[in-house]
Every structure is written in C-alpha cells, then in structure tokens.
Amino acid sequence: MRFCPQCHKLTSGEPLFCNNCGATYDAKLCPARHLNPRHAEVCSQCGSRDLSTPAPRLPLWLRPVLFTASLLPGVVLALLLILVVVAMLRELATNGQIQAQLITLLFILAILWWLYMHLPNFIQKALRSLWQSKKPDKH
C-alpha cells in the first residue's frame, strides 16, 4: 500500500503512479516507463526528456506512522489467533467430556495405525495407491 503525499490518499499494492492524482512515487518515469531517480533530468535508458513529476517527499515523521499502520492488520490478526488458541486450550484443559472424547479418538487412531503396520506389504501398497493421485496420460 502506498500513500501519496500530493493528494493524501492510499493506493493498494506497489503501483508506479497514484491512482487518484497520477503522480509517481519517489521516482521519475519516461513515456517508456523507465525508472529514474527523483533528481534526473533525462531518462538514463532512452534519453527522453519527458519525465513524470514525482509526488513531494513524505515528511520524516509520517514514515514510521505509515509503516506502523501497514503492520497493524497483521498484528491484530495474530493477536486474535493467539486468543482463539488460548481459549481452545483452556477449554480442553477444563472440559472433561472433551478430554474423554479426545483420548478415545487418539486411542482409536493408535489401534488403526498398529493394525496398518501389521498388514502384509502388498495390502499396504494397495492402500497407499488409493491415496496417491493418478497422473494423466500424455497423448
């Protein structure tokens, strides 16, 4: 996401131009879209003198604010995920019925795994082939 200091609007993604006012972000572009530094007078690749006008530089105090604002959604989602996991673990630790169901499920899975490990190899291979995807024939 980019903030345009000229029109004071946000543009999603990493665009070359502001979607609202058309200013470029901290660079000058020629008609062929070659990137040039802010202080360039001529395009370094094609020699064109028709360069875009970059938006004014961001004030120094605004850069950390925008950086923090871009991180905020991810931090909020991470905190929500942590809260949900803690709530689930607390429920598992305090609810005896869920604990009994979980232990029963783990016991059944252990028995099924033990039975699978003691099957003859040809049956194990046949069962494995059921889960493997078939590759399409090339004509």
N, C-alpha and C. Protein backbone atom coordinates (compact mmCIF):
# COMPACT_ATOMS: atom_id res chain seq x y z
N MET A 1 0.85 -1.16 0.00
CA MET A 1 0.00 0.00 0.00
C MET A 1 0.90 1.24 0.00
N ARG A 2 0.55 2.21 -0.79
CA ARG A 2 1.35 3.43 -0.88
C ARG A 2 0.50 4.65 -0.58
N PHE A 3 1.10 5.59 0.14
CA PHE A 3 0.46 6.86 0.49
C PHE A 3 1.02 7.94 -0.42
N CYS A 4 0.14 8.71 -1.04
CA CYS A 4 0.55 9.79 -1.93
C CYS A 4 0.60 11.09 -1.13
N PRO A 5 1.78 11.69 -0.99
CA PRO A 5 1.86 12.95 -0.26
C PRO A 5 1.24 14.13 -1.01
N GLN A 6 0.96 13.96 -2.29
CA GLN A 6 0.38 15.05 -3.06
C GLN A 6 -1.13 15.16 -2.84
N CYS A 7 -1.83 14.03 -2.97
CA CYS A 7 -3.29 14.07 -2.81
C CYS A 7 -3.75 13.47 -1.48
N HIS A 8 -2.81 12.92 -0.69
CA HIS A 8 -3.09 12.38 0.64
C HIS A 8 -4.05 11.20 0.61
N LYS A 9 -3.90 10.32 -0.39
CA LYS A 9 -4.75 9.14 -0.49
C LYS A 9 -3.88 7.90 -0.56
N LEU A 10 -4.46 6.75 -0.20
CA LEU A 10 -3.75 5.47 -0.25
C LEU A 10 -4.09 4.73 -1.53
N THR A 11 -3.09 4.03 -2.07
CA THR A 11 -3.27 3.19 -3.24
C THR A 11 -2.78 1.81 -2.87
N SER A 12 -3.58 0.77 -3.13
CA SER A 12 -3.18 -0.59 -2.77
C SER A 12 -2.12 -1.12 -3.71
N GLY A 13 -1.34 -2.08 -3.21
CA GLY A 13 -0.29 -2.70 -4.00
C GLY A 13 0.96 -1.86 -4.04
N GLU A 14 1.76 -2.06 -5.08
CA GLU A 14 3.00 -1.31 -5.30
C GLU A 14 2.96 -0.62 -6.67
N PRO A 15 2.04 0.33 -6.86
CA PRO A 15 1.90 0.96 -8.17
C PRO A 15 3.02 1.95 -8.45
N LEU A 16 3.21 2.27 -9.73
CA LEU A 16 4.17 3.30 -10.12
C LEU A 16 3.55 4.69 -10.00
N PHE A 17 2.23 4.79 -10.23
CA PHE A 17 1.52 6.05 -10.20
C PHE A 17 0.44 6.02 -9.13
N CYS A 18 0.11 7.19 -8.60
CA CYS A 18 -1.02 7.32 -7.69
C CYS A 18 -2.30 7.13 -8.50
N ASN A 19 -3.23 6.36 -7.99
CA ASN A 19 -4.48 6.12 -8.71
C ASN A 19 -5.38 7.35 -8.73
N ASN A 20 -5.15 8.30 -7.84
CA ASN A 20 -6.02 9.47 -7.75
C ASN A 20 -5.48 10.68 -8.50
N CYS A 21 -4.22 11.04 -8.29
CA CYS A 21 -3.71 12.27 -8.92
C CYS A 21 -2.72 12.00 -10.06
N GLY A 22 -2.21 10.78 -10.19
CA GLY A 22 -1.31 10.45 -11.29
C GLY A 22 0.15 10.73 -11.01
N ALA A 23 0.50 11.22 -9.83
CA ALA A 23 1.91 11.48 -9.50
C ALA A 23 2.65 10.17 -9.32
N THR A 24 3.95 10.17 -9.63
CA THR A 24 4.76 8.98 -9.43
C THR A 24 5.29 8.98 -8.00
N TYR A 25 5.68 7.80 -7.54
CA TYR A 25 6.16 7.63 -6.17
C TYR A 25 7.68 7.65 -6.13
N ASP A 26 8.26 8.72 -5.65
CA ASP A 26 9.69 8.86 -5.38
C ASP A 26 10.58 8.49 -6.57
N ALA A 27 10.10 8.69 -7.78
CA ALA A 27 10.89 8.42 -8.98
C ALA A 27 10.29 9.20 -10.14
N LYS A 28 11.08 9.35 -11.18
CA LYS A 28 10.57 9.95 -12.41
C LYS A 28 10.52 8.86 -13.46
N LEU A 29 9.46 8.87 -14.26
CA LEU A 29 9.28 7.87 -15.31
C LEU A 29 9.21 8.57 -16.66
N CYS A 30 9.84 7.95 -17.66
CA CYS A 30 9.73 8.47 -19.03
C CYS A 30 8.49 7.84 -19.65
N PRO A 31 8.10 8.22 -20.89
CA PRO A 31 6.93 7.61 -21.52
C PRO A 31 7.05 6.09 -21.70
N ALA A 32 8.30 5.57 -21.74
CA ALA A 32 8.50 4.12 -21.88
C ALA A 32 8.49 3.42 -20.52
N ARG A 33 8.18 4.14 -19.45
CA ARG A 33 8.09 3.63 -18.08
C ARG A 33 9.43 3.18 -17.50
N HIS A 34 10.53 3.78 -17.93
CA HIS A 34 11.84 3.50 -17.33
C HIS A 34 11.93 4.28 -16.02
N LEU A 35 12.36 3.61 -14.96
CA LEU A 35 12.52 4.26 -13.65
C LEU A 35 13.79 5.08 -13.63
N ASN A 36 13.68 6.31 -13.13
CA ASN A 36 14.82 7.20 -12.99
C ASN A 36 14.78 7.83 -11.61
N PRO A 37 15.92 8.23 -11.08
CA PRO A 37 15.91 8.87 -9.76
C PRO A 37 15.14 10.18 -9.78
N ARG A 38 14.76 10.61 -8.60
CA ARG A 38 13.97 11.83 -8.42
C ARG A 38 14.66 13.06 -9.02
N HIS A 39 15.98 13.12 -8.98
CA HIS A 39 16.71 14.30 -9.45
C HIS A 39 17.08 14.24 -10.94
N ALA A 40 16.70 13.19 -11.66
CA ALA A 40 17.08 13.03 -13.07
C ALA A 40 16.41 14.09 -13.94
N GLU A 41 17.12 14.53 -14.97
CA GLU A 41 16.58 15.46 -15.97
C GLU A 41 16.31 14.75 -17.29
N VAL A 42 17.05 13.64 -17.53
CA VAL A 42 16.93 12.87 -18.77
C VAL A 42 16.86 11.39 -18.39
N CYS A 43 16.05 10.61 -19.13
CA CYS A 43 15.95 9.17 -18.86
C CYS A 43 17.29 8.51 -19.10
N SER A 44 17.73 7.69 -18.17
CA SER A 44 19.04 7.04 -18.27
C SER A 44 19.05 5.90 -19.27
N GLN A 45 17.88 5.43 -19.72
CA GLN A 45 17.85 4.30 -20.65
C GLN A 45 17.52 4.71 -22.08
N CYS A 46 16.59 5.66 -22.25
CA CYS A 46 16.20 6.01 -23.63
C CYS A 46 16.53 7.46 -23.98
N GLY A 47 16.94 8.27 -23.01
CA GLY A 47 17.33 9.64 -23.28
C GLY A 47 16.17 10.62 -23.38
N SER A 48 14.98 10.21 -23.08
CA SER A 48 13.83 11.10 -23.17
C SER A 48 13.89 12.18 -22.09
N ARG A 49 13.49 13.40 -22.48
CA ARG A 49 13.44 14.49 -21.50
C ARG A 49 12.03 14.67 -20.95
N ASP A 50 11.10 13.88 -21.45
CA ASP A 50 9.71 13.96 -20.99
C ASP A 50 9.53 13.03 -19.80
N LEU A 51 9.86 13.52 -18.62
CA LEU A 51 9.79 12.71 -17.40
C LEU A 51 8.60 13.15 -16.56
N SER A 52 8.05 12.20 -15.81
CA SER A 52 6.90 12.50 -14.94
C SER A 52 7.34 13.33 -13.74
N THR A 53 6.36 13.92 -13.09
CA THR A 53 6.62 14.70 -11.88
C THR A 53 6.35 13.82 -10.67
N PRO A 54 7.37 13.59 -9.84
CA PRO A 54 7.12 12.76 -8.66
C PRO A 54 6.35 13.53 -7.60
N ALA A 55 5.63 12.82 -6.77
CA ALA A 55 4.93 13.44 -5.65
C ALA A 55 5.97 13.99 -4.68
N PRO A 56 5.62 14.99 -3.88
CA PRO A 56 6.58 15.50 -2.91
C PRO A 56 7.00 14.41 -1.94
N ARG A 57 8.18 14.56 -1.35
CA ARG A 57 8.68 13.58 -0.40
C ARG A 57 7.78 13.54 0.84
N LEU A 58 7.71 12.36 1.41
CA LEU A 58 6.95 12.19 2.66
C LEU A 58 7.70 12.89 3.79
N PRO A 59 7.00 13.56 4.69
CA PRO A 59 7.67 14.12 5.85
C PRO A 59 8.28 12.99 6.69
N LEU A 60 9.38 13.28 7.35
CA LEU A 60 10.10 12.27 8.10
C LEU A 60 9.25 11.66 9.21
N TRP A 61 8.40 12.45 9.84
CA TRP A 61 7.57 11.95 10.93
C TRP A 61 6.47 11.02 10.45
N LEU A 62 6.09 11.13 9.16
CA LEU A 62 4.99 10.34 8.63
C LEU A 62 5.42 8.93 8.25
N ARG A 63 6.69 8.73 7.96
CA ARG A 63 7.16 7.41 7.53
C ARG A 63 6.94 6.33 8.59
N PRO A 64 7.34 6.54 9.87
CA PRO A 64 7.07 5.48 10.85
C PRO A 64 5.57 5.27 11.12
N VAL A 65 4.79 6.34 10.99
CA VAL A 65 3.34 6.22 11.20
C VAL A 65 2.74 5.32 10.12
N LEU A 66 3.12 5.53 8.87
CA LEU A 66 2.60 4.71 7.77
C LEU A 66 3.09 3.27 7.87
N PHE A 67 4.35 3.09 8.30
CA PHE A 67 4.89 1.74 8.47
C PHE A 67 4.10 1.00 9.55
N THR A 68 3.84 1.67 10.65
CA THR A 68 3.08 1.06 11.74
C THR A 68 1.65 0.74 11.28
N ALA A 69 1.05 1.66 10.53
CA ALA A 69 -0.31 1.43 10.04
C ALA A 69 -0.37 0.24 9.07
N SER A 70 0.70 0.02 8.32
CA SER A 70 0.70 -1.12 7.39
C SER A 70 0.86 -2.44 8.14
N LEU A 71 1.50 -2.42 9.32
CA LEU A 71 1.67 -3.64 10.10
C LEU A 71 0.46 -3.95 10.98
N LEU A 72 -0.36 -2.96 11.24
CA LEU A 72 -1.46 -3.10 12.19
C LEU A 72 -2.43 -4.25 11.88
N PRO A 73 -2.91 -4.43 10.64
CA PRO A 73 -3.83 -5.54 10.38
C PRO A 73 -3.23 -6.91 10.69
N GLY A 74 -1.97 -7.11 10.33
CA GLY A 74 -1.32 -8.39 10.61
C GLY A 74 -1.16 -8.63 12.10
N VAL A 75 -0.81 -7.59 12.86
CA VAL A 75 -0.66 -7.73 14.31
C VAL A 75 -2.00 -8.05 14.96
N VAL A 76 -3.06 -7.38 14.52
CA VAL A 76 -4.39 -7.63 15.08
C VAL A 76 -4.82 -9.07 14.79
N LEU A 77 -4.59 -9.55 13.56
CA LEU A 77 -4.96 -10.93 13.23
C LEU A 77 -4.15 -11.94 14.04
N ALA A 78 -2.86 -11.67 14.24
CA ALA A 78 -2.03 -12.57 15.04
C ALA A 78 -2.52 -12.62 16.48
N LEU A 79 -2.89 -11.47 17.05
CA LEU A 79 -3.40 -11.44 18.41
C LEU A 79 -4.72 -12.20 18.53
N LEU A 80 -5.60 -12.05 17.53
CA LEU A 80 -6.86 -12.80 17.54
C LEU A 80 -6.61 -14.30 17.47
N LEU A 81 -5.66 -14.71 16.65
CA LEU A 81 -5.32 -16.13 16.54
C LEU A 81 -4.81 -16.66 17.88
N ILE A 82 -3.96 -15.89 18.54
CA ILE A 82 -3.44 -16.30 19.84
C ILE A 82 -4.57 -16.43 20.85
N LEU A 83 -5.49 -15.48 20.86
CA LEU A 83 -6.62 -15.54 21.78
C LEU A 83 -7.49 -16.79 21.53
N VAL A 84 -7.72 -17.11 20.28
CA VAL A 84 -8.54 -18.29 19.95
C VAL A 84 -7.82 -19.57 20.40
N VAL A 85 -6.52 -19.66 20.15
CA VAL A 85 -5.77 -20.85 20.55
C VAL A 85 -5.77 -21.00 22.07
N VAL A 86 -5.56 -19.89 22.79
CA VAL A 86 -5.58 -19.94 24.26
C VAL A 86 -6.96 -20.37 24.75
N ALA A 87 -8.02 -19.86 24.17
CA ALA A 87 -9.37 -20.24 24.57
C ALA A 87 -9.62 -21.73 24.31
N MET A 88 -9.15 -22.23 23.19
CA MET A 88 -9.32 -23.65 22.89
C MET A 88 -8.54 -24.52 23.87
N LEU A 89 -7.30 -24.14 24.16
CA LEU A 89 -6.50 -24.90 25.12
C LEU A 89 -7.11 -24.86 26.51
N ARG A 90 -7.64 -23.71 26.91
CA ARG A 90 -8.29 -23.60 28.22
C ARG A 90 -9.52 -24.51 28.27
N GLU A 91 -10.29 -24.54 27.19
CA GLU A 91 -11.48 -25.39 27.14
C GLU A 91 -11.09 -26.87 27.20
N LEU A 92 -10.01 -27.23 26.49
CA LEU A 92 -9.55 -28.61 26.53
C LEU A 92 -9.09 -29.00 27.93
N ALA A 93 -8.45 -28.07 28.63
CA ALA A 93 -7.91 -28.37 29.96
C ALA A 93 -9.00 -28.47 31.02
N THR A 94 -10.13 -27.81 30.83
CA THR A 94 -11.14 -27.76 31.87
C THR A 94 -12.37 -28.62 31.59
N ASN A 95 -12.59 -29.01 30.35
CA ASN A 95 -13.80 -29.75 30.00
C ASN A 95 -13.48 -31.25 29.94
N GLY A 96 -13.97 -31.99 30.91
CA GLY A 96 -13.70 -33.43 30.99
C GLY A 96 -14.30 -34.21 29.85
N GLN A 97 -15.46 -33.81 29.37
CA GLN A 97 -16.11 -34.52 28.27
C GLN A 97 -15.26 -34.43 26.99
N ILE A 98 -14.74 -33.25 26.70
CA ILE A 98 -13.89 -33.09 25.51
C ILE A 98 -12.60 -33.88 25.68
N GLN A 99 -12.05 -33.91 26.90
CA GLN A 99 -10.83 -34.67 27.14
C GLN A 99 -11.07 -36.16 26.90
N ALA A 100 -12.20 -36.68 27.38
CA ALA A 100 -12.52 -38.10 27.18
C ALA A 100 -12.69 -38.42 25.70
N GLN A 101 -13.36 -37.54 24.96
CA GLN A 101 -13.55 -37.76 23.52
C GLN A 101 -12.21 -37.73 22.79
N LEU A 102 -11.34 -36.81 23.17
CA LEU A 102 -10.03 -36.70 22.53
C LEU A 102 -9.19 -37.94 22.82
N ILE A 103 -9.21 -38.42 24.06
CA ILE A 103 -8.45 -39.62 24.42
C ILE A 103 -8.99 -40.83 23.66
N THR A 104 -10.31 -40.94 23.54
CA THR A 104 -10.91 -42.04 22.78
C THR A 104 -10.50 -41.99 21.31
N LEU A 105 -10.53 -40.80 20.74
CA LEU A 105 -10.12 -40.64 19.34
C LEU A 105 -8.65 -41.02 19.15
N LEU A 106 -7.79 -40.57 20.03
CA LEU A 106 -6.37 -40.91 19.93
C LEU A 106 -6.16 -42.41 20.08
N PHE A 107 -6.90 -43.06 20.98
CA PHE A 107 -6.80 -44.50 21.18
C PHE A 107 -7.22 -45.25 19.91
N ILE A 108 -8.33 -44.82 19.29
CA ILE A 108 -8.79 -45.46 18.05
C ILE A 108 -7.77 -45.29 16.94
N LEU A 109 -7.20 -44.09 16.81
CA LEU A 109 -6.17 -43.86 15.78
C LEU A 109 -4.94 -44.71 16.04
N ALA A 110 -4.55 -44.88 17.29
CA ALA A 110 -3.39 -45.71 17.61
C ALA A 110 -3.64 -47.16 17.23
N ILE A 111 -4.84 -47.66 17.50
CA ILE A 111 -5.18 -49.04 17.14
C ILE A 111 -5.18 -49.22 15.62
N LEU A 112 -5.76 -48.25 14.90
CA LEU A 112 -5.77 -48.34 13.43
C LEU A 112 -4.36 -48.30 12.86
N TRP A 113 -3.51 -47.48 13.42
CA TRP A 113 -2.13 -47.40 12.95
C TRP A 113 -1.40 -48.72 13.23
N TRP A 114 -1.62 -49.29 14.41
CA TRP A 114 -0.99 -50.57 14.75
C TRP A 114 -1.44 -51.66 13.78
N LEU A 115 -2.76 -51.69 13.50
CA LEU A 115 -3.27 -52.68 12.55
C LEU A 115 -2.67 -52.47 11.16
N TYR A 116 -2.56 -51.22 10.71
CA TYR A 116 -1.99 -50.93 9.40
C TYR A 116 -0.54 -51.40 9.32
N MET A 117 0.22 -51.19 10.38
CA MET A 117 1.64 -51.56 10.37
C MET A 117 1.83 -53.08 10.34
N HIS A 118 0.83 -53.83 10.77
CA HIS A 118 0.94 -55.27 10.78
C HIS A 118 0.28 -55.95 9.58
N LEU A 119 -0.20 -55.16 8.65
CA LEU A 119 -0.75 -55.73 7.42
C LEU A 119 0.39 -56.19 6.52
N PRO A 120 0.16 -57.18 5.67
CA PRO A 120 1.19 -57.57 4.70
C PRO A 120 1.53 -56.40 3.76
N ASN A 121 2.74 -56.41 3.22
CA ASN A 121 3.22 -55.31 2.38
C ASN A 121 2.34 -55.07 1.16
N PHE A 122 1.85 -56.14 0.51
CA PHE A 122 1.05 -55.93 -0.70
C PHE A 122 -0.26 -55.22 -0.39
N ILE A 123 -0.83 -55.45 0.79
CA ILE A 123 -2.06 -54.75 1.17
C ILE A 123 -1.74 -53.29 1.50
N GLN A 124 -0.60 -53.04 2.18
CA GLN A 124 -0.19 -51.66 2.47
C GLN A 124 0.01 -50.87 1.18
N LYS A 125 0.65 -51.51 0.19
CA LYS A 125 0.87 -50.84 -1.10
C LYS A 125 -0.45 -50.54 -1.79
N ALA A 126 -1.39 -51.47 -1.71
CA ALA A 126 -2.70 -51.26 -2.33
C ALA A 126 -3.43 -50.10 -1.65
N LEU A 127 -3.35 -50.03 -0.33
CA LEU A 127 -3.99 -48.92 0.38
C LEU A 127 -3.32 -47.59 0.06
N ARG A 128 -1.98 -47.58 -0.04
CA ARG A 128 -1.27 -46.34 -0.39
C ARG A 128 -1.65 -45.86 -1.78
N SER A 129 -1.87 -46.79 -2.70
CA SER A 129 -2.22 -46.39 -4.07
C SER A 129 -3.58 -45.71 -4.14
N LEU A 130 -4.46 -45.98 -3.15
CA LEU A 130 -5.75 -45.31 -3.12
C LEU A 130 -5.62 -43.81 -2.86
N TRP A 131 -4.59 -43.41 -2.08
CA TRP A 131 -4.43 -42.00 -1.72
C TRP A 131 -3.54 -41.24 -2.68
N GLN A 132 -2.76 -41.94 -3.49
CA GLN A 132 -1.89 -41.25 -4.44
C GLN A 132 -2.69 -40.83 -5.65
N SER A 133 -2.41 -39.62 -6.16
CA SER A 133 -3.14 -39.13 -7.33
C SER A 133 -2.60 -39.79 -8.59
N LYS A 134 -3.50 -40.05 -9.48
CA LYS A 134 -3.14 -40.64 -10.76
C LYS A 134 -2.67 -39.54 -11.71
N LYS A 135 -1.56 -39.76 -12.41
CA LYS A 135 -1.07 -38.80 -13.39
C LYS A 135 -1.82 -39.03 -14.71
N PRO A 136 -2.27 -37.94 -15.36
CA PRO A 136 -3.00 -38.11 -16.62
C PRO A 136 -2.07 -38.64 -17.72
N ASP A 137 -2.65 -39.45 -18.59
CA ASP A 137 -1.88 -39.98 -19.72
C ASP A 137 -1.60 -38.89 -20.73
N LYS A 138 -0.36 -38.87 -21.23
CA LYS A 138 0.02 -37.88 -22.25
C LYS A 138 -0.12 -38.52 -23.62
N HIS A 139 -0.83 -37.85 -24.50
CA HIS A 139 -1.04 -38.38 -25.88
C HIS A 139 -0.27 -37.57 -26.84
